[in-house]
Structures are given as C-alpha cells and as structure tokens.
Amino acid sequence: MRQLAILALVFAVIAAAPAVIASEFTLNVVIMVLYAALLGQAWNILGGYGGQFSFGHAAYFGTGAYTIAVLQVQFGVNPWIGLVIGALFAMAVAAFIGFATFRYGLRGSYFALVTLAFAEVLRILSNSVEFTGAGVGILISLAPGAANMQFETKTGFFFLIWALTLLSFLTVWWIGHSRFGAWLAAVRDNEEAARALGVNAFRVKMGAIMLSGLFSGLAGVFYAQYYLYLDPYIAYGPAISVESLLVPIIGGMGTLFGPLLGAAALHAVSELTRELIGDVPGISLALYGALLVAMVVFLPRGLAGLVARLTTRRRASAEELPRA
C-alpha cells in the first residue's frame, strides 16, 4: 500500500502540471514524457516482469494507431470508440504473435528477432495497401472538440495521456502484488522450474504479451490523435520499438517507477541534444544507441536501481551515526 500511495502522490503532482506550466512547449514536453512512460511500461510488462525481450513493439503501437485513423477516415467512427477498438486490435495482434512464438518455445534472441520480423512485415503491408494511404500515409481530418478527441488546447491531451499512463502503472502495480505477477516472475527467472511447480508458462506469457500489446496500442491511438498523421515508418518503424525498450532499460526493468524515470531522463537528454545540435536526421537513434550502451555498462539496474542503492546507503549511514 505504501507503493500505491507513492504512485497516487506522483500522479497527483503530475496532474497539477497544466495549472503551473504556462508554456505550451513545456507542457508538450510533459505530455511526451507521459507518452514515453506509457510505451515503456507496456514493454516493461513483457520484458521487465516477464523476461521476454521484444524488438518489435511497433507492431502493437502501429496497429492501434492505424486502427483509429482508418476507422475515422474511412468509416467515420467516433475516435472514442476507435480508442477501444484500436487497443483491442493491438491486443489481438499481440495474442497472434505470442501464440506463434510461445507455442513453439521461442525465447531469448529467437523471440526478439521474430517480433522484429513481425513489425517489419506489418510495415511493408501498410506501405502496400490503399486503405492505410500506402507510402503517402493517412491524414486525420481536423475536427476540434472533446467529442472528437481533438482538444482545442494541450491541456485536454495532457489529461488523456495522464489517464492512460496512470492506468498502465496501476496495472503494473497489480501485477507486482498478484498471483499472476508471481507466476510471471517465476517464468522469467526459471521457466523449467516454474513448469515443474505447476505454472502454465504458456498461459502466463500470453497474458503478459496481450497486456503489453494493449497498452502499446493505447500509446499508438494517442499518437494518432495528437499528431493527426501516420505513415508506415512512423507507425511500424524501428524508432518506436527502440524507444519502447530503451525507456525501461534506462529507468529500471521490472520496477514500477522505472519507465517514468527513464522517460523523463530520455526526453531531458533528447531536448538538450536538440538545443545543442539541432534536429539532425537520425540523431535520435544514434543517441538512443549510445544511451543503451552506457546504461548496460554502468547502470545495468537502471535509474531505479541507482535510487534504491543510494537510499540503502543513506539508511545504513543513518543507522551507524548513533552507534558512533
């Protein structure tokens, strides 16, 4: 309950951002941090808690984004309904990929490569069919209004992504304190031993990948409504998959607050780099690669691990002072 109370406090403080931030640019940065935290938490469910490293989370993100965009543009479906359908479609794609991989025991690098291949297949397909706009992309018509999920100010988008991100964090908190979470951790640590103890590893991993796909799809839905434009490279390109896995690795895999710490750190470095170097093509991926190497070498447990280590040292020092 202490962790849940901290989570409530953190998101209550974040919710005050529109009231204290006057700059639209700064509020946009906060929005993108929450968006990245949602992406990272989606990956964290499968990769951090489940130990199944995916290189193709763009498959779920792009499915959610394209679903809401196509439903709006081609069929006139209300985006609030499209949000639910997009998330469910993304979860269905995750279920298909999970069944195709876990059913035959793929794990480790084999699983990672297969997820990357699925994302690339979807990118090629979306680049070839007409209803997605093919290589030209798809442009969502501007229709301002909360009923169309196109808010007139960034405050509306802020509370939308705040609510979606909070939902993902509450889900991960539940995973960390549930029997399902215990099964997932057992499968991550030693799948053979978990099977011997009666854990249905296939069912547990399917649950994790479906939840992961659901929240990745919600991130894609938000992106589509926020920017009102998609093309195959944006939706299914490698940048989304890299950001999805980099955020929890920087913040701390398998931790509740790791994705939020990672998203804040990643966007702080990204904005600083943009100010110093400018918007150079490809600089973001190069930066992400350098950060990934640095974190793996120097902080393998991420920023959350660093915070935990510093807290432990401070407590130890505080306990030693009275004795001295």
Foldseek 3Di string as FASTA:
>chain_A
DVVVVVLVVVLVVLLCVVVPDPDQVVLVLSLQLLLLLLLQLLQLLCCQLQVAHALFLLQLLLQLQLQLQLCCPVPNDASVVSLVVLLQRLLVVLLVLLCVAVVVPDGDPRSRVSNLVSLVVVLQVLLPDPSQVRQVGGFHDDDEDVRRVQHPGCSSLSVLSSVLSSVSLVVLVCLVVDPLSVLSNVCNVPVVVSVVVPRPSSVSSSVSSSSSSSSSSSSSSSVCSVVRIDGSCRRRNSVSSLSNNLQQQQQFRNDSCRNSVSSVVLSVVVVVCCVVPNDDPPVSVVVSVVSNVCCVVPPRRHPVVVVVVVVVVVVVVVVVVVVD
